[in-house]
Every structure is written in C-alpha cells, then in structure tokens.
Amino acid sequence: MSLFVGLPSHDGTRLNAMAIADIMARRKEVILSERTGCFLCANRNDIWCQALNMNPRPELFLWLDADVIPTEGFIDVLEAELRATGADMMSGVVAMKKPGGETSLALDGDLNHKTRRLLLSEVLGRGGTWTDPRVLVATGLVLVDFTKPWVEKVSYSTEDAIVKVGDRFVTVNDSEDYRWCRQVRALGGSIWVTRKVGTAHVGMREHIIPQAVE
C-alpha cells in the first residue's frame, strides 16, 4: 500500500521529524514531498499535483503539517479507522494555538459559510471516531483515500474580504482548509474525525489533544 506524505511549511522548519521516522519504520512504500514558502495554498496545490501526476498513483495521501506532532503509530491508526468507517478522509484533532479550548474542527453553517469552531469539550463528548454532515477539518493531519475520483477535482484556495456591517467594517475569511472540505463533500466524499491519535500543536507552548482510549 503506497503512501504519499505531503509536508507543507512556511520556511522548512520541521518540528515532527520523529513522526516521519515513525512512518518510514512502518511503511515500505513511502513518498515524502515538502514544499516551502509563504503561500500555503500554493504549497498544498503543488504537493497535491505531484501526487496526481505519479504513475502509478499512491493509494493513500497524508497531510502532515510541520508543527503537528502525532502520537506513535498514528499512521496505522488513521488507516485502520479509514478502512473501518469507509471514509474518504480521516482527520486527527488539533488544538488551536490560542486560549479558549478551540480545536481545528468546525461545523459549517448557512449559505454564507458561517462556521463555528468546536471546543475540545464538545469533541470529547463525541467519542473516539465520528462524522457529521457539516464537519470541516483543518488539513494539518489528514489521511486521504487517494483512489477516489474526486481527488482530481479539488484544490486549495482562500477568500478574504472586508465588508461593512452596520456602521463598522469587518474582515471576513473563508479558510483554504474549510473550502477544500466543502469541495470534497460536494463531490460525494465522506469526512471523518478520530481522536484515537493524540496530537501536540507546537508553538510558543504545546497545545495537546489527548489520545482516546477505548
């Protein structure tokens, strides 16, 4: 089972070398692809294109951001949950780098894409592995079934704007991760989430998601 690992970063600084070593120790057919630069969407799209253009194509694709550190054996856990659920995408849960308990997950809203981030307390109440028809995930730790036809029809982009609400101007942002998830869902792809992989989101301090034990 061939595995392609996408490793986007801003400047090449990588804080999870042990996670890559863990993958290499567990998988025989692994392709690592790193892109650096300040344009994150371009980095991700370049990596995705590389995987699409391979012949034969890899069967699995993993997004692993440079500042996300998953627990040992995470690739086997993600694949096991992907297979067990029949998901197109299996995402880990990552804590946001700010106080308040927000996670990388959100629930989509109305036609204006008003999203609401899920708090860790809400995620803990959903069990080890779950899905929701409105779930959106940040793609810092996501395993994708790369054999699905929709993989040829998605791309990363972001949308930022300034709008006037009443007598005040406010910023509006639709993130590249959430836009990507909406494309996957519109094309019939299924998005699942698991907390059976623990994560640390490393910055000035670590932001921990505990590993679920069942």
Protein backbone atom coordinates (compact mmCIF):
# COMPACT_ATOMS: atom_id res chain seq x y z
CA MET A 1 0.00 0.00 0.00
CA SER A 2 1.84 3.09 -1.25
CA LEU A 3 1.68 6.23 0.89
CA PHE A 4 2.37 9.79 -0.25
CA VAL A 5 3.15 12.26 2.54
CA GLY A 6 2.60 15.97 1.89
CA LEU A 7 4.77 18.17 4.09
CA PRO A 8 3.95 21.87 3.59
CA SER A 9 5.71 24.51 5.69
CA HIS A 10 6.49 28.22 5.63
CA ASP A 11 10.30 28.06 5.90
CA GLY A 12 11.32 24.40 6.10
CA THR A 13 11.41 24.33 9.89
CA ARG A 14 10.04 20.93 10.87
CA LEU A 15 9.23 20.02 14.47
CA ASN A 16 7.96 16.48 13.91
CA ALA A 17 10.89 14.56 12.44
CA MET A 18 10.12 11.67 14.78
CA ALA A 19 6.68 11.34 13.20
CA ILE A 20 8.26 11.00 9.76
CA ALA A 21 10.71 8.42 11.13
CA ASP A 22 7.74 6.54 12.60
CA ILE A 23 6.08 6.42 9.18
CA MET A 24 9.26 5.22 7.49
CA ALA A 25 9.67 2.45 10.05
CA ARG A 26 6.14 1.16 9.47
CA ARG A 27 5.69 1.54 5.71
CA LYS A 28 7.73 0.15 2.82
CA GLU A 29 6.35 2.33 0.02
CA VAL A 30 6.54 5.97 1.15
CA ILE A 31 6.99 9.15 -0.90
CA LEU A 32 7.81 12.32 1.02
CA SER A 33 7.12 15.68 -0.61
CA GLU A 34 7.92 19.01 1.02
CA ARG A 35 7.08 22.50 -0.24
CA THR A 36 8.07 25.72 1.50
CA GLY A 37 7.01 29.32 1.08
CA CYS A 38 4.61 31.91 2.45
CA PHE A 39 1.80 30.96 0.04
CA LEU A 40 0.27 27.99 1.83
CA CYS A 41 -2.37 27.25 -0.81
CA ALA A 42 0.31 27.12 -3.50
CA ASN A 43 2.40 24.77 -1.37
CA ARG A 44 -0.51 22.39 -0.86
CA ASN A 45 -1.64 22.53 -4.50
CA ASP A 46 1.90 21.82 -5.75
CA ILE A 47 2.17 18.79 -3.49
CA TRP A 48 -1.28 17.53 -4.49
CA CYS A 49 -0.39 17.88 -8.19
CA GLN A 50 2.79 15.89 -7.68
CA ALA A 51 0.78 13.01 -6.26
CA LEU A 52 -1.84 13.25 -9.04
CA ASN A 53 0.86 13.10 -11.73
CA MET A 54 2.55 9.97 -10.40
CA ASN A 55 2.20 6.75 -12.38
CA PRO A 56 1.10 4.65 -10.65
CA ARG A 57 -0.60 6.94 -8.21
CA PRO A 58 -0.23 6.36 -4.48
CA GLU A 59 -3.19 4.72 -2.80
CA LEU A 60 -3.05 6.83 0.35
CA PHE A 61 -2.20 10.50 0.84
CA LEU A 62 -1.27 12.02 4.21
CA TRP A 63 -1.17 15.71 5.05
CA LEU A 64 1.23 16.38 7.93
CA ASP A 65 1.93 19.98 8.91
CA ALA A 66 5.37 20.89 10.23
CA ASP A 67 4.09 21.89 13.69
CA VAL A 68 1.77 18.94 14.35
CA ILE A 69 3.21 16.06 16.38
CA PRO A 70 1.01 12.93 16.43
CA THR A 71 1.35 10.00 18.82
CA GLU A 72 3.44 6.94 17.95
CA GLY A 73 1.88 4.59 15.42
CA PHE A 74 -0.52 7.26 14.18
CA ILE A 75 -0.39 6.25 10.52
CA ASP A 76 -1.58 2.72 11.31
CA VAL A 77 -4.39 4.08 13.48
CA LEU A 78 -5.53 6.57 10.84
CA GLU A 79 -5.59 3.89 8.15
CA ALA A 80 -7.41 1.41 10.40
CA GLU A 81 -10.12 3.99 11.13
CA LEU A 82 -10.30 4.97 7.44
CA ARG A 83 -10.89 1.35 6.45
CA ALA A 84 -13.29 0.56 9.29
CA THR A 85 -15.56 3.51 8.51
CA GLY A 86 -15.23 3.55 4.73
CA ALA A 87 -14.27 7.23 4.96
CA ASP A 88 -12.66 9.19 2.15
CA MET A 89 -10.75 11.31 4.67
CA MET A 90 -9.77 10.58 8.26
CA SER A 91 -8.64 13.61 10.25
CA GLY A 92 -6.92 13.95 13.56
CA VAL A 93 -7.95 16.65 16.03
CA VAL A 94 -5.52 19.52 16.60
CA ALA A 95 -5.77 22.20 19.28
CA MET A 96 -5.62 25.80 18.10
CA LYS A 97 -2.66 27.90 19.22
CA LYS A 98 -4.66 30.22 21.40
CA PRO A 99 -6.53 30.08 24.70
CA GLY A 100 -10.18 29.16 24.84
CA GLY A 101 -10.13 25.45 24.02
CA GLU A 102 -10.86 25.72 20.30
CA THR A 103 -9.88 22.85 18.01
CA SER A 104 -9.11 22.56 14.29
CA LEU A 105 -12.65 21.28 13.67
CA ALA A 106 -15.70 23.31 12.80
CA LEU A 107 -19.33 22.84 11.88
CA ASP A 108 -20.43 24.50 8.66
CA GLY A 109 -23.25 26.97 8.78
CA ASP A 110 -25.59 28.59 6.30
CA LEU A 111 -25.04 29.51 2.66
CA ASN A 112 -22.69 32.29 3.77
CA HIS A 113 -20.40 29.61 5.23
CA LYS A 114 -20.59 30.91 8.79
CA THR A 115 -18.58 28.29 10.58
CA ARG A 116 -18.35 27.59 14.30
CA ARG A 117 -15.20 26.02 15.69
CA LEU A 118 -15.72 23.08 18.01
CA LEU A 119 -14.34 23.30 21.52
CA LEU A 120 -12.33 20.44 22.97
CA SER A 121 -15.12 19.84 25.48
CA GLU A 122 -17.53 19.27 22.59
CA VAL A 123 -15.10 16.97 20.77
CA LEU A 124 -14.55 14.87 23.89
CA GLY A 125 -18.29 14.25 24.04
CA ARG A 126 -18.39 12.71 20.56
CA GLY A 127 -16.35 9.57 21.20
CA GLY A 128 -13.19 8.26 19.58
CA THR A 129 -14.15 8.32 15.86
CA TRP A 130 -17.15 10.09 14.36
CA THR A 131 -18.55 12.07 11.46
CA ASP A 132 -21.09 14.83 10.97
CA PRO A 133 -22.63 16.03 7.69
CA ARG A 134 -21.42 19.56 8.48
CA VAL A 135 -17.95 18.81 9.83
CA LEU A 136 -14.99 20.78 8.47
CA VAL A 137 -11.39 19.91 9.31
CA ALA A 138 -8.10 21.73 9.10
CA THR A 139 -5.78 19.60 7.00
CA GLY A 140 -2.77 19.51 9.33
CA LEU A 141 -3.16 15.77 9.97
CA VAL A 142 -5.43 14.06 7.45
CA LEU A 143 -5.24 10.69 5.70
CA VAL A 144 -6.98 10.54 2.31
CA ASP A 145 -8.08 7.56 0.23
CA PHE A 146 -6.33 8.71 -2.94
CA THR A 147 -8.09 6.16 -5.14
CA LYS A 148 -11.34 8.13 -5.11
CA PRO A 149 -12.25 10.03 -8.32
CA TRP A 150 -12.86 13.34 -6.54
CA VAL A 151 -9.14 13.77 -5.84
CA GLU A 152 -8.74 15.12 -9.40
CA LYS A 153 -11.33 17.85 -8.86
CA VAL A 154 -10.29 19.65 -5.67
CA SER A 155 -7.83 22.44 -4.95
CA TYR A 156 -6.85 24.83 -2.19
CA SER A 157 -7.84 28.48 -2.22
CA THR A 158 -8.81 31.11 0.31
CA GLU A 159 -11.12 34.07 0.25
CA ASP A 160 -10.62 37.21 2.31
CA ALA A 161 -12.72 40.35 2.20
CA ILE A 162 -13.67 43.49 4.08
CA VAL A 163 -17.40 44.12 4.44
CA LYS A 164 -19.44 46.77 6.16
CA VAL A 165 -21.86 45.59 8.83
CA GLY A 166 -23.94 48.48 10.08
CA ASP A 167 -21.53 51.34 10.64
CA ARG A 168 -18.43 49.16 11.08
CA PHE A 169 -16.03 47.46 8.68
CA VAL A 170 -15.13 43.87 9.50
CA THR A 171 -12.91 41.23 7.94
CA VAL A 172 -14.28 38.00 6.50
CA ASN A 173 -12.13 34.93 5.94
CA ASP A 174 -13.00 31.56 4.41
CA SER A 175 -10.01 29.33 5.09
CA GLU A 176 -8.37 27.10 2.49
CA ASP A 177 -8.92 24.01 4.64
CA TYR A 178 -12.64 24.52 5.09
CA ARG A 179 -13.14 25.44 1.42
CA TRP A 180 -11.32 22.23 0.47
CA CYS A 181 -13.59 20.18 2.75
CA ARG A 182 -16.66 21.69 1.15
CA GLN A 183 -15.38 20.66 -2.28
CA VAL A 184 -14.79 17.10 -1.07
CA ARG A 185 -18.26 16.92 0.43
CA ALA A 186 -19.92 18.39 -2.68
CA LEU A 187 -18.23 15.70 -4.76
CA GLY A 188 -19.60 12.94 -2.54
CA GLY A 189 -16.57 12.43 -0.32
CA SER A 190 -17.01 11.50 3.33
CA ILE A 191 -15.05 13.25 6.08
CA TRP A 192 -14.43 11.55 9.42
CA VAL A 193 -12.59 12.56 12.56
CA THR A 194 -10.69 10.45 15.08
CA ARG A 195 -9.20 11.21 18.46
CA LYS A 196 -7.58 7.78 18.63
CA VAL A 197 -4.46 9.63 17.54
CA GLY A 198 -3.26 12.20 20.07
CA THR A 199 -1.63 15.40 18.83
CA ALA A 200 0.53 18.27 20.00
CA HIS A 201 0.36 21.58 18.14
CA VAL A 202 3.75 23.11 18.80
CA GLY A 203 4.41 26.83 19.02
CA MET A 204 5.42 29.03 21.92
CA ARG A 205 3.71 26.38 24.02
CA GLU A 206 2.27 22.96 23.25
CA HIS A 207 -1.47 22.58 22.69
CA ILE A 208 -2.43 18.98 23.46
CA ILE A 209 -5.29 16.74 22.31
CA PRO A 210 -5.24 13.59 24.48
CA GLN A 211 -5.33 10.20 22.80
CA ALA A 212 -8.66 8.39 23.18
CA VAL A 213 -8.52 5.04 24.95
CA GLU A 214 -11.47 2.70 24.49
